[in-house]
Amino acid sequence: MIINKLCGVSKLIYNIKFLFLMCFCCVSQVTFAQQGMQYTQYMYDGSLINPAYAGADEALSISLLHRNQWSGLEGAPQSQTFSAHSLFKRPQLGTGLFIHRESIGVHQNIQIATNLAYHLPVGYQKTLSFGIKAGVLNVRSDYQSLQNGNPDPTVNDEIFSGTDFNAGFGFYYKSEKLELGYSIPSIINKTVNVNDSITLDPINLNHLLFSQYHFPAGNNFVLSPGFLIKYFQGTPLSYDLNILTTYKGVLTAGVSYRKQESVDFLLRFNLSSQFQVAYAYDYPIGSVSRLSQASNEIMLRYIFKFKYNNVNSPQ
């Protein structure tokens, strides 16, 4: 019995070393990463910001999200995201598909990627996961639309489009009450030259650190405080602070503060044990409020309840 325990410990140490080695190999190849996607309801589906989450819901999970940022402002960011992921019981692998489209003025980005996550049990209802994402990123800029039918002869390429390989990785830990994750969700290693006078470098390395803690408050309520720390290379550190309250597992309401940018209000209904509808309203504050309007985000999510034994859903 002692020998079996020692073998189990050795296997655990080996697996953890393997995860960190994979992480180091990914980081050593990084030169640029895509500027981060903006989500308010990232805590409902962690695969939006961390590929290590793929399969953590113990079932096939499908999410659709639409974000209309700074509503009413011409050329403001709009994005649509489709995420689907599931779990293989053995060897505890999660796989998923991620599609994201974003438009900002004359620029449009489309990302298509697959997620792969390995979930390693590290104790009773405790799991350490490592995930990688690989796919393609297409960037298209239509400068011709800015000229209102009067082409500028000094601009050689009025429409630019380029596609490159894209990747990401992350770690995710969860227990019965705690979630903790770190990710670099988008990595690319190429600067694009449009012509001799224009160079597009929309790519920067971004780091995301996420945590949320769930604890009961009486018989019917669960409180879930959390945070998301965001660091984009060359920009000031940003963060989201939030607290959610869930009533009888059916209705979730909460508020979030995004540093010097907005106060966000969140509402989610579990229409059934599988189907969820969620909405977030971002109210701009500070200097941002003088330049922009409120943002709206709608999310639909369906989780097929096929249960597995060793990976437990934090939701």
C-alpha atoms as a PDB file:
ATOM      1  CA  MET A   1       0.000   0.000   0.000  1.00  0.00           C
ATOM      2  CA  ILE A   2       2.859   2.374   0.852  1.00  0.00           C
ATOM      3  CA  ILE A   3       4.523   1.550  -2.446  1.00  0.00           C
ATOM      4  CA  ASN A   4       1.278   2.361  -4.290  1.00  0.00           C
ATOM      5  CA  LYS A   5       1.043   5.725  -2.515  1.00  0.00           C
ATOM      6  CA  LEU A   6       4.667   6.538  -3.368  1.00  0.00           C
ATOM      7  CA  CYS A   7       4.007   5.633  -6.991  1.00  0.00           C
ATOM      8  CA  GLY A   8       0.949   7.861  -6.994  1.00  0.00           C
ATOM      9  CA  VAL A   9       2.928  10.790  -5.590  1.00  0.00           C
ATOM     10  CA  SER A  10       5.709  10.255  -8.129  1.00  0.00           C
ATOM     11  CA  LYS A  11       3.175  10.181 -10.937  1.00  0.00           C
ATOM     12  CA  LEU A  12       1.580  13.402  -9.693  1.00  0.00           C
ATOM     13  CA  ILE A  13       4.966  15.181  -9.504  1.00  0.00           C
ATOM     14  CA  TYR A  14       5.806  13.968 -13.002  1.00  0.00           C
ATOM     15  CA  ASN A  15       2.488  15.245 -14.406  1.00  0.00           C
ATOM     16  CA  ILE A  16       2.922  18.670 -12.790  1.00  0.00           C
ATOM     17  CA  LYS A  17       6.468  18.953 -14.158  1.00  0.00           C
ATOM     18  CA  PHE A  18       5.128  17.991 -17.577  1.00  0.00           C
ATOM     19  CA  LEU A  19       2.482  20.732 -17.451  1.00  0.00           C
ATOM     20  CA  PHE A  20       4.996  23.422 -16.538  1.00  0.00           C
ATOM     21  CA  LEU A  21       7.437  22.195 -19.192  1.00  0.00           C
ATOM     22  CA  MET A  22       4.706  22.521 -21.820  1.00  0.00           C
ATOM     23  CA  CYS A  23       3.961  26.034 -20.570  1.00  0.00           C
ATOM     24  CA  PHE A  24       7.650  27.018 -20.816  1.00  0.00           C
ATOM     25  CA  CYS A  25       7.871  25.706 -24.364  1.00  0.00           C
ATOM     26  CA  CYS A  26       4.875  27.811 -25.385  1.00  0.00           C
ATOM     27  CA  VAL A  27       6.224  30.983 -23.781  1.00  0.00           C
ATOM     28  CA  SER A  28       9.641  30.590 -25.407  1.00  0.00           C
ATOM     29  CA  GLN A  29       8.030  30.877 -28.852  1.00  0.00           C
ATOM     30  CA  VAL A  30       6.021  34.025 -28.137  1.00  0.00           C
ATOM     31  CA  THR A  31       6.793  37.403 -29.643  1.00  0.00           C
ATOM     32  CA  PHE A  32       3.339  38.970 -29.973  1.00  0.00           C
ATOM     33  CA  ALA A  33      -0.206  38.184 -28.841  1.00  0.00           C
ATOM     34  CA  GLN A  34      -3.542  39.524 -29.884  1.00  0.00           C
ATOM     35  CA  GLN A  35      -4.977  42.378 -27.878  1.00  0.00           C
ATOM     36  CA  GLY A  36      -7.422  40.919 -25.399  1.00  0.00           C
ATOM     37  CA  MET A  37     -11.084  40.301 -26.136  1.00  0.00           C
ATOM     38  CA  GLN A  38     -13.504  42.140 -23.896  1.00  0.00           C
ATOM     39  CA  TYR A  39     -16.054  40.096 -21.941  1.00  0.00           C
ATOM     40  CA  THR A  40     -18.139  40.964 -18.887  1.00  0.00           C
ATOM     41  CA  GLN A  41     -19.655  37.489 -18.415  1.00  0.00           C
ATOM     42  CA  TYR A  42     -16.402  35.518 -18.691  1.00  0.00           C
ATOM     43  CA  MET A  43     -17.087  33.783 -15.354  1.00  0.00           C
ATOM     44  CA  TYR A  44     -19.999  31.765 -16.790  1.00  0.00           C
ATOM     45  CA  ASP A  45     -17.869  30.004 -19.410  1.00  0.00           C
ATOM     46  CA  GLY A  46     -14.166  30.037 -18.601  1.00  0.00           C
ATOM     47  CA  SER A  47     -13.243  28.759 -22.080  1.00  0.00           C
ATOM     48  CA  LEU A  48     -13.835  32.301 -23.369  1.00  0.00           C
ATOM     49  CA  ILE A  49     -10.589  33.415 -21.731  1.00  0.00           C
ATOM     50  CA  ASN A  50      -8.772  30.179 -20.868  1.00  0.00           C
ATOM     51  CA  PRO A  51      -8.392  27.036 -23.039  1.00  0.00           C
ATOM     52  CA  ALA A  52      -7.651  24.991 -19.905  1.00  0.00           C
ATOM     53  CA  TYR A  53     -11.344  25.257 -19.017  1.00  0.00           C
ATOM     54  CA  ALA A  54     -12.414  23.097 -21.971  1.00  0.00           C
ATOM     55  CA  GLY A  55     -14.347  20.112 -20.614  1.00  0.00           C
ATOM     56  CA  ALA A  56     -14.600  21.444 -17.057  1.00  0.00           C
ATOM     57  CA  ASP A  57     -18.409  21.430 -17.196  1.00  0.00           C
ATOM     58  CA  GLU A  58     -18.350  17.603 -17.330  1.00  0.00           C
ATOM     59  CA  ALA A  59     -20.573  17.696 -20.404  1.00  0.00           C
ATOM     60  CA  LEU A  60     -20.994  19.209 -23.838  1.00  0.00           C
ATOM     61  CA  SER A  61     -21.338  22.953 -23.276  1.00  0.00           C
ATOM     62  CA  ILE A  62     -22.330  25.433 -26.002  1.00  0.00           C
ATOM     63  CA  SER A  63     -22.233  29.213 -25.578  1.00  0.00           C
ATOM     64  CA  LEU A  64     -23.253  32.065 -27.863  1.00  0.00           C
ATOM     65  CA  LEU A  65     -22.303  35.599 -26.881  1.00  0.00           C
ATOM     66  CA  HIS A  66     -22.941  38.947 -28.539  1.00  0.00           C
ATOM     67  CA  ARG A  67     -21.324  42.148 -27.262  1.00  0.00           C
ATOM     68  CA  ASN A  68     -22.257  45.624 -28.439  1.00  0.00           C
ATOM     69  CA  GLN A  69     -19.714  47.970 -26.887  1.00  0.00           C
ATOM     70  CA  TRP A  70     -20.447  51.686 -26.547  1.00  0.00           C
ATOM     71  CA  SER A  71     -23.909  51.333 -28.102  1.00  0.00           C
ATOM     72  CA  GLY A  72     -24.876  54.036 -30.569  1.00  0.00           C
ATOM     73  CA  LEU A  73     -21.310  55.138 -31.310  1.00  0.00           C
ATOM     74  CA  GLU A  74     -20.400  54.752 -34.993  1.00  0.00           C
ATOM     75  CA  GLY A  75     -17.553  52.292 -35.546  1.00  0.00           C
ATOM     76  CA  ALA A  76     -17.633  51.086 -31.924  1.00  0.00           C
ATOM     77  CA  PRO A  77     -16.470  47.514 -31.193  1.00  0.00           C
ATOM     78  CA  GLN A  78     -18.946  44.698 -31.756  1.00  0.00           C
ATOM     79  CA  SER A  79     -18.200  41.019 -31.324  1.00  0.00           C
ATOM     80  CA  GLN A  80     -19.820  37.610 -31.573  1.00  0.00           C
ATOM     81  CA  THR A  81     -18.377  34.488 -29.987  1.00  0.00           C
ATOM     82  CA  PHE A  82     -19.264  30.813 -30.322  1.00  0.00           C
ATOM     83  CA  SER A  83     -17.750  28.335 -27.874  1.00  0.00           C
ATOM     84  CA  ALA A  84     -18.365  24.588 -27.623  1.00  0.00           C
ATOM     85  CA  HIS A  85     -16.412  22.122 -25.488  1.00  0.00           C
ATOM     86  CA  SER A  86     -16.817  18.705 -23.949  1.00  0.00           C
ATOM     87  CA  LEU A  87     -14.962  16.094 -21.906  1.00  0.00           C
ATOM     88  CA  PHE A  88     -13.620  12.642 -22.645  1.00  0.00           C
ATOM     89  CA  LYS A  89     -13.787  10.527 -19.491  1.00  0.00           C
ATOM     90  CA  ARG A  90     -10.485   8.828 -20.194  1.00  0.00           C
ATOM     91  CA  PRO A  91      -7.817  10.145 -20.189  1.00  0.00           C
ATOM     92  CA  GLN A  92      -9.607  13.231 -18.817  1.00  0.00           C
ATOM     93  CA  LEU A  93      -9.221  15.308 -21.961  1.00  0.00           C
ATOM     94  CA  GLY A  94     -11.388  18.280 -22.797  1.00  0.00           C
ATOM     95  CA  THR A  95     -11.750  19.455 -26.380  1.00  0.00           C
ATOM     96  CA  GLY A  96     -13.517  22.428 -27.851  1.00  0.00           C
ATOM     97  CA  LEU A  97     -14.140  24.803 -30.737  1.00  0.00           C
ATOM     98  CA  PHE A  98     -13.803  28.579 -30.432  1.00  0.00           C
ATOM     99  CA  ILE A  99     -14.969  31.104 -33.063  1.00  0.00           C
ATOM    100  CA  HIS A 100     -14.736  34.853 -32.484  1.00  0.00           C
ATOM    101  CA  ARG A 101     -15.585  37.747 -34.787  1.00  0.00           C
ATOM    102  CA  GLU A 102     -14.861  41.349 -33.860  1.00  0.00           C
ATOM    103  CA  SER A 103     -15.302  44.591 -35.793  1.00  0.00           C
ATOM    104  CA  ILE A 104     -13.864  47.983 -34.788  1.00  0.00           C
ATOM    105  CA  GLY A 105     -14.381  50.741 -37.326  1.00  0.00           C
ATOM    106  CA  VAL A 106     -12.749  49.654 -40.588  1.00  0.00           C
ATOM    107  CA  HIS A 107     -11.043  46.675 -38.921  1.00  0.00           C
ATOM    108  CA  GLN A 108     -12.429  43.164 -38.627  1.00  0.00           C
ATOM    109  CA  ASN A 109     -10.836  40.162 -36.920  1.00  0.00           C
ATOM    110  CA  ILE A 110     -12.004  36.566 -37.195  1.00  0.00           C
ATOM    111  CA  GLN A 111     -10.440  33.867 -35.044  1.00  0.00           C
ATOM    112  CA  ILE A 112     -11.138  30.140 -35.372  1.00  0.00           C
ATOM    113  CA  ALA A 113      -9.403  27.793 -32.961  1.00  0.00           C
ATOM    114  CA  THR A 114      -9.615  24.444 -31.226  1.00  0.00           C
ATOM    115  CA  ASN A 115      -8.996  23.948 -27.503  1.00  0.00           C
ATOM    116  CA  LEU A 116      -7.420  20.916 -25.855  1.00  0.00           C
ATOM    117  CA  ALA A 117      -7.209  20.545 -22.070  1.00  0.00           C
ATOM    118  CA  TYR A 118      -5.833  17.863 -19.777  1.00  0.00           C
ATOM    119  CA  HIS A 119      -7.529  17.623 -16.358  1.00  0.00           C
ATOM    120  CA  LEU A 120      -5.365  16.182 -13.584  1.00  0.00           C
ATOM    121  CA  PRO A 121      -7.065  15.210 -10.293  1.00  0.00           C
ATOM    122  CA  VAL A 122      -4.952  16.498  -7.372  1.00  0.00           C
ATOM    123  CA  GLY A 123      -7.282  15.634  -4.470  1.00  0.00           C
ATOM    124  CA  TYR A 124     -10.889  15.128  -3.547  1.00  0.00           C
ATOM    125  CA  GLN A 125     -12.942  17.327  -5.899  1.00  0.00           C
ATOM    126  CA  LYS A 126      -9.747  19.193  -6.839  1.00  0.00           C
ATOM    127  CA  THR A 127      -8.417  19.407 -10.379  1.00  0.00           C
ATOM    128  CA  LEU A 128      -5.442  21.077 -12.021  1.00  0.00           C
ATOM    129  CA  SER A 129      -5.849  21.581 -15.757  1.00  0.00           C
ATOM    130  CA  PHE A 130      -3.543  22.640 -18.558  1.00  0.00           C
ATOM    131  CA  GLY A 131      -4.890  23.724 -21.912  1.00  0.00           C
ATOM    132  CA  ILE A 132      -3.631  24.847 -25.299  1.00  0.00           C
ATOM    133  CA  LYS A 133      -5.398  26.566 -28.181  1.00  0.00           C
ATOM    134  CA  ALA A 134      -4.408  26.502 -31.843  1.00  0.00           C
ATOM    135  CA  GLY A 135      -6.053  28.041 -34.863  1.00  0.00           C
ATOM    136  CA  VAL A 136      -5.968  30.899 -37.341  1.00  0.00           C
ATOM    137  CA  LEU A 137      -6.522  34.642 -37.056  1.00  0.00           C
ATOM    138  CA  ASN A 138      -7.658  36.734 -40.017  1.00  0.00           C
ATOM    139  CA  VAL A 139      -7.267  40.521 -39.882  1.00  0.00           C
ATOM    140  CA  ARG A 140      -9.005  42.671 -42.495  1.00  0.00           C
ATOM    141  CA  SER A 141      -8.886  46.484 -42.751  1.00  0.00           C
ATOM    142  CA  ASP A 142     -10.993  48.393 -45.268  1.00  0.00           C
ATOM    143  CA  TYR A 143      -9.365  51.841 -45.462  1.00  0.00           C
ATOM    144  CA  GLN A 144     -11.273  52.576 -48.660  1.00  0.00           C
ATOM    145  CA  SER A 145     -14.472  52.985 -46.626  1.00  0.00           C
ATOM    146  CA  LEU A 146     -12.952  56.043 -44.943  1.00  0.00           C
ATOM    147  CA  GLN A 147     -12.523  57.939 -48.217  1.00  0.00           C
ATOM    148  CA  ASN A 148     -16.228  58.355 -49.057  1.00  0.00           C
ATOM    149  CA  GLY A 149     -15.689  57.691 -52.764  1.00  0.00           C
ATOM    150  CA  ASN A 150     -12.598  59.929 -53.058  1.00  0.00           C
ATOM    151  CA  PRO A 151      -9.589  57.585 -53.312  1.00  0.00           C
ATOM    152  CA  ASP A 152      -6.285  58.877 -51.990  1.00  0.00           C
ATOM    153  CA  PRO A 153      -3.541  58.236 -54.597  1.00  0.00           C
ATOM    154  CA  THR A 154      -0.924  58.157 -51.829  1.00  0.00           C
ATOM    155  CA  VAL A 155      -2.518  55.034 -50.323  1.00  0.00           C
ATOM    156  CA  ASN A 156      -1.392  52.011 -52.317  1.00  0.00           C
ATOM    157  CA  ASP A 157      -3.409  49.335 -50.537  1.00  0.00           C
ATOM    158  CA  GLU A 158      -6.872  50.501 -49.552  1.00  0.00           C
ATOM    159  CA  ILE A 159      -8.026  47.059 -48.418  1.00  0.00           C
ATOM    160  CA  PHE A 160      -5.723  44.845 -46.380  1.00  0.00           C
ATOM    161  CA  SER A 161      -6.341  41.243 -45.386  1.00  0.00           C
ATOM    162  CA  GLY A 162      -3.963  38.770 -43.770  1.00  0.00           C
ATOM    163  CA  THR A 163      -4.228  35.393 -42.035  1.00  0.00           C
ATOM    164  CA  ASP A 164      -1.745  33.831 -39.646  1.00  0.00           C
ATOM    165  CA  PHE A 165      -1.436  30.957 -37.203  1.00  0.00           C
ATOM    166  CA  ASN A 166      -2.622  31.732 -33.700  1.00  0.00           C
ATOM    167  CA  ALA A 167      -2.237  29.878 -30.403  1.00  0.00           C
ATOM    168  CA  GLY A 168      -2.761  30.227 -26.672  1.00  0.00           C
ATOM    169  CA  PHE A 169      -2.403  28.330 -23.407  1.00  0.00           C
ATOM    170  CA  GLY A 170      -3.529  28.414 -19.798  1.00  0.00           C
ATOM    171  CA  PHE A 171      -3.719  26.782 -16.371  1.00  0.00           C
ATOM    172  CA  TYR A 172      -6.927  26.259 -14.414  1.00  0.00           C
ATOM    173  CA  TYR A 173      -7.407  24.988 -10.860  1.00  0.00           C
ATOM    174  CA  LYS A 174     -10.725  24.237  -9.252  1.00  0.00           C
ATOM    175  CA  SER A 175     -11.984  22.741  -6.042  1.00  0.00           C
ATOM    176  CA  GLU A 176     -15.485  22.522  -4.594  1.00  0.00           C
ATOM    177  CA  LYS A 177     -15.509  26.273  -3.858  1.00  0.00           C
ATOM    178  CA  LEU A 178     -12.453  27.877  -5.494  1.00  0.00           C
ATOM    179  CA  GLU A 179     -11.624  28.594  -9.130  1.00  0.00           C
ATOM    180  CA  LEU A 180      -8.226  29.986 -10.146  1.00  0.00           C
ATOM    181  CA  GLY A 181      -6.861  30.391 -13.650  1.00  0.00           C
ATOM    182  CA  TYR A 182      -4.010  31.978 -15.574  1.00  0.00           C
ATOM    183  CA  SER A 183      -3.871  32.238 -19.338  1.00  0.00           C
ATOM    184  CA  ILE A 184      -2.346  33.850 -22.378  1.00  0.00           C
ATOM    185  CA  PRO A 185      -5.349  33.240 -24.646  1.00  0.00           C
ATOM    186  CA  SER A 186      -3.889  34.479 -27.921  1.00  0.00           C
ATOM    187  CA  ILE A 187      -0.343  34.238 -29.262  1.00  0.00           C
ATOM    188  CA  ILE A 188       0.946  35.152 -32.695  1.00  0.00           C
ATOM    189  CA  ASN A 189       4.518  35.659 -33.913  1.00  0.00           C
ATOM    190  CA  LYS A 190       4.250  37.937 -36.912  1.00  0.00           C
ATOM    191  CA  THR A 191       4.117  41.663 -37.631  1.00  0.00           C
ATOM    192  CA  VAL A 192       2.231  42.511 -40.817  1.00  0.00           C
ATOM    193  CA  ASN A 193       3.582  45.032 -43.338  1.00  0.00           C
ATOM    194  CA  VAL A 194       0.770  46.556 -45.393  1.00  0.00           C
ATOM    195  CA  ASN A 195       3.107  48.600 -47.588  1.00  0.00           C
ATOM    196  CA  ASP A 196       6.284  50.656 -47.362  1.00  0.00           C
ATOM    197  CA  SER A 197       4.657  53.319 -45.226  1.00  0.00           C
ATOM    198  CA  ILE A 198       2.128  51.373 -43.131  1.00  0.00           C
ATOM    199  CA  THR A 199       2.924  48.625 -40.629  1.00  0.00           C
ATOM    200  CA  LEU A 200       0.132  46.916 -38.696  1.00  0.00           C
ATOM    201  CA  ASP A 201       1.133  45.547 -35.314  1.00  0.00           C
ATOM    202  CA  PRO A 202      -2.206  44.903 -33.550  1.00  0.00           C
ATOM    203  CA  ILE A 203      -0.618  42.121 -31.554  1.00  0.00           C
ATOM    204  CA  ASN A 204       0.609  42.267 -27.963  1.00  0.00           C
ATOM    205  CA  LEU A 205       1.191  39.649 -25.320  1.00  0.00           C
ATOM    206  CA  ASN A 206      -1.679  39.606 -22.830  1.00  0.00           C
ATOM    207  CA  HIS A 207      -1.881  37.927 -19.432  1.00  0.00           C
ATOM    208  CA  LEU A 208      -5.130  37.080 -17.625  1.00  0.00           C
ATOM    209  CA  LEU A 209      -5.382  36.005 -13.979  1.00  0.00           C
ATOM    210  CA  PHE A 210      -8.854  34.946 -12.844  1.00  0.00           C
ATOM    211  CA  SER A 211     -10.285  33.752  -9.544  1.00  0.00           C
ATOM    212  CA  GLN A 212     -13.727  33.193  -8.045  1.00  0.00           C
ATOM    213  CA  TYR A 213     -14.827  31.759  -4.718  1.00  0.00           C
ATOM    214  CA  HIS A 214     -18.256  30.233  -4.053  1.00  0.00           C
ATOM    215  CA  PHE A 215     -19.684  29.941  -0.538  1.00  0.00           C
ATOM    216  CA  PRO A 216     -23.221  29.442   0.822  1.00  0.00           C
ATOM    217  CA  ALA A 217     -25.043  32.334   2.507  1.00  0.00           C
ATOM    218  CA  GLY A 218     -28.013  30.732   4.208  1.00  0.00           C
ATOM    219  CA  ASN A 219     -30.096  27.928   2.776  1.00  0.00           C
ATOM    220  CA  ASN A 220     -30.987  29.482  -0.562  1.00  0.00           C
ATOM    221  CA  PHE A 221     -28.148  31.789  -1.569  1.00  0.00           C
ATOM    222  CA  VAL A 222     -24.582  31.316  -2.843  1.00  0.00           C
ATOM    223  CA  LEU A 223     -22.182  34.280  -2.936  1.00  0.00           C
ATOM    224  CA  SER A 224     -19.398  34.317  -5.513  1.00  0.00           C
ATOM    225  CA  PRO A 225     -16.827  37.127  -5.228  1.00  0.00           C
ATOM    226  CA  GLY A 226     -14.127  37.167  -7.865  1.00  0.00           C
ATOM    227  CA  PHE A 227     -11.630  39.142  -9.919  1.00  0.00           C
ATOM    228  CA  LEU A 228      -9.934  39.246 -13.300  1.00  0.00           C
ATOM    229  CA  ILE A 229      -6.524  40.918 -13.592  1.00  0.00           C
ATOM    230  CA  LYS A 230      -5.565  41.913 -17.153  1.00  0.00           C
ATOM    231  CA  TYR A 231      -2.102  42.919 -18.258  1.00  0.00           C
ATOM    232  CA  PHE A 232      -1.509  43.863 -21.891  1.00  0.00           C
ATOM    233  CA  GLN A 233       2.075  44.570 -22.835  1.00  0.00           C
ATOM    234  CA  GLY A 234       2.635  48.314 -23.091  1.00  0.00           C
ATOM    235  CA  THR A 235      -0.595  49.314 -21.319  1.00  0.00           C
ATOM    236  CA  PRO A 236      -1.425  49.938 -17.628  1.00  0.00           C
ATOM    237  CA  LEU A 237      -2.578  47.035 -15.473  1.00  0.00           C
ATOM    238  CA  SER A 238      -6.360  46.642 -15.478  1.00  0.00           C
ATOM    239  CA  TYR A 239      -8.749  44.562 -13.399  1.00  0.00           C
ATOM    240  CA  ASP A 240     -12.378  43.578 -12.864  1.00  0.00           C
ATOM    241  CA  LEU A 241     -13.805  43.090  -9.364  1.00  0.00           C
ATOM    242  CA  ASN A 242     -17.169  41.399  -9.063  1.00  0.00           C
ATOM    243  CA  ILE A 243     -19.599  39.703  -6.716  1.00  0.00           C
ATOM    244  CA  LEU A 244     -22.503  37.491  -7.763  1.00  0.00           C
ATOM    245  CA  THR A 245     -25.446  36.165  -5.773  1.00  0.00           C
ATOM    246  CA  THR A 246     -27.262  33.001  -6.872  1.00  0.00           C
ATOM    247  CA  TYR A 247     -30.723  32.179  -5.538  1.00  0.00           C
ATOM    248  CA  LYS A 248     -31.669  28.488  -5.424  1.00  0.00           C
ATOM    249  CA  GLY A 249     -29.437  27.815  -8.425  1.00  0.00           C
ATOM    250  CA  VAL A 250     -31.979  29.548 -10.672  1.00  0.00           C
ATOM    251  CA  LEU A 251     -31.393  33.305 -10.622  1.00  0.00           C
ATOM    252  CA  THR A 252     -27.999  35.012 -10.503  1.00  0.00           C
ATOM    253  CA  ALA A 253     -27.503  38.756 -10.079  1.00  0.00           C
ATOM    254  CA  GLY A 254     -24.310  40.687  -9.540  1.00  0.00           C
ATOM    255  CA  VAL A 255     -22.250  43.801  -9.991  1.00  0.00           C
ATOM    256  CA  SER A 256     -18.720  44.285 -11.338  1.00  0.00           C
ATOM    257  CA  TYR A 257     -16.265  47.163 -11.365  1.00  0.00           C
ATOM    258  CA  ARG A 258     -13.850  47.557 -14.276  1.00  0.00           C
ATOM    259  CA  LYS A 259     -10.929  49.817 -13.354  1.00  0.00           C
ATOM    260  CA  GLN A 260     -11.569  53.435 -14.394  1.00  0.00           C
ATOM    261  CA  GLU A 261     -13.893  52.237 -17.146  1.00  0.00           C
ATOM    262  CA  SER A 262     -17.313  50.969 -16.059  1.00  0.00           C
ATOM    263  CA  VAL A 263     -19.667  49.607 -13.433  1.00  0.00           C
ATOM    264  CA  ASP A 264     -21.331  46.470 -14.783  1.00  0.00           C
ATOM    265  CA  PHE A 265     -24.640  44.873 -13.831  1.00  0.00           C
ATOM    266  CA  LEU A 266     -25.152  41.164 -14.485  1.00  0.00           C
ATOM    267  CA  LEU A 267     -28.288  39.035 -14.550  1.00  0.00           C
ATOM    268  CA  ARG A 268     -28.640  35.348 -15.415  1.00  0.00           C
ATOM    269  CA  PHE A 269     -31.666  33.022 -15.527  1.00  0.00           C
ATOM    270  CA  ASN A 270     -31.426  29.235 -15.529  1.00  0.00           C
ATOM    271  CA  LEU A 271     -34.569  28.532 -17.532  1.00  0.00           C
ATOM    272  CA  SER A 272     -33.920  24.821 -17.003  1.00  0.00           C
ATOM    273  CA  SER A 273     -31.143  22.687 -15.569  1.00  0.00           C
ATOM    274  CA  GLN A 274     -29.440  22.971 -18.959  1.00  0.00           C
ATOM    275  CA  PHE A 275     -30.418  26.263 -20.611  1.00  0.00           C
ATOM    276  CA  GLN A 276     -29.123  29.635 -19.371  1.00  0.00           C
ATOM    277  CA  VAL A 277     -29.822  33.176 -20.558  1.00  0.00           C
ATOM    278  CA  ALA A 278     -27.600  36.001 -19.276  1.00  0.00           C
ATOM    279  CA  TYR A 279     -27.324  39.742 -19.790  1.00  0.00           C
ATOM    280  CA  ALA A 280     -24.753  42.346 -18.768  1.00  0.00           C
ATOM    281  CA  TYR A 281     -25.012  46.133 -18.874  1.00  0.00           C
ATOM    282  CA  ASP A 282     -21.779  48.140 -18.654  1.00  0.00           C
ATOM    283  CA  TYR A 283     -22.240  51.713 -17.458  1.00  0.00           C
ATOM    284  CA  PRO A 284     -19.178  53.861 -18.311  1.00  0.00           C
ATOM    285  CA  ILE A 285     -17.599  55.963 -15.575  1.00  0.00           C
ATOM    286  CA  GLY A 286     -14.820  58.539 -15.252  1.00  0.00           C
ATOM    287  CA  SER A 287     -13.206  59.974 -18.353  1.00  0.00           C
ATOM    288  CA  VAL A 288     -14.578  57.081 -20.440  1.00  0.00           C
ATOM    289  CA  SER A 289     -18.151  58.246 -19.795  1.00  0.00           C
ATOM    290  CA  ARG A 290     -17.504  61.507 -21.653  1.00  0.00           C
ATOM    291  CA  LEU A 291     -16.465  59.676 -24.810  1.00  0.00           C
ATOM    292  CA  SER A 292     -18.621  56.550 -24.881  1.00  0.00           C
ATOM    293  CA  GLN A 293     -22.038  55.153 -24.112  1.00  0.00           C
ATOM    294  CA  ALA A 294     -23.178  52.024 -22.292  1.00  0.00           C
ATOM    295  CA  SER A 295     -22.289  48.521 -23.514  1.00  0.00           C
ATOM    296  CA  ASN A 296     -24.613  45.527 -23.749  1.00  0.00           C
ATOM    297  CA  GLU A 297     -23.737  41.846 -23.693  1.00  0.00           C
ATOM    298  CA  ILE A 298     -26.106  38.909 -24.198  1.00  0.00           C
ATOM    299  CA  MET A 299     -25.183  35.273 -23.614  1.00  0.00           C
ATOM    300  CA  LEU A 300     -27.042  32.023 -24.342  1.00  0.00           C
ATOM    301  CA  ARG A 301     -25.658  28.801 -22.921  1.00  0.00           C
ATOM    302  CA  TYR A 302     -26.743  25.168 -23.084  1.00  0.00           C
ATOM    303  CA  ILE A 303     -25.088  22.394 -21.063  1.00  0.00           C
ATOM    304  CA  PHE A 304     -25.891  18.770 -21.846  1.00  0.00           C
ATOM    305  CA  LYS A 305     -25.895  17.044 -18.469  1.00  0.00           C
ATOM    306  CA  PHE A 306     -23.793  13.988 -19.184  1.00  0.00           C
ATOM    307  CA  LYS A 307     -22.056  13.421 -15.852  1.00  0.00           C
ATOM    308  CA  TYR A 308     -18.561  12.065 -15.305  1.00  0.00           C
ATOM    309  CA  ASN A 309     -16.948  11.017 -12.098  1.00  0.00           C
ATOM    310  CA  ASN A 310     -13.570  12.687 -11.763  1.00  0.00           C
ATOM    311  CA  VAL A 311     -14.094  16.227 -13.022  1.00  0.00           C
ATOM    312  CA  ASN A 312     -16.662  18.351 -11.190  1.00  0.00           C
ATOM    313  CA  SER A 313     -18.276  21.481 -12.520  1.00  0.00           C
ATOM    314  CA  PRO A 314     -17.679  24.689 -10.524  1.00  0.00           C
ATOM    315  CA  GLN A 315     -21.017  25.981 -11.769  1.00  0.00           C
END
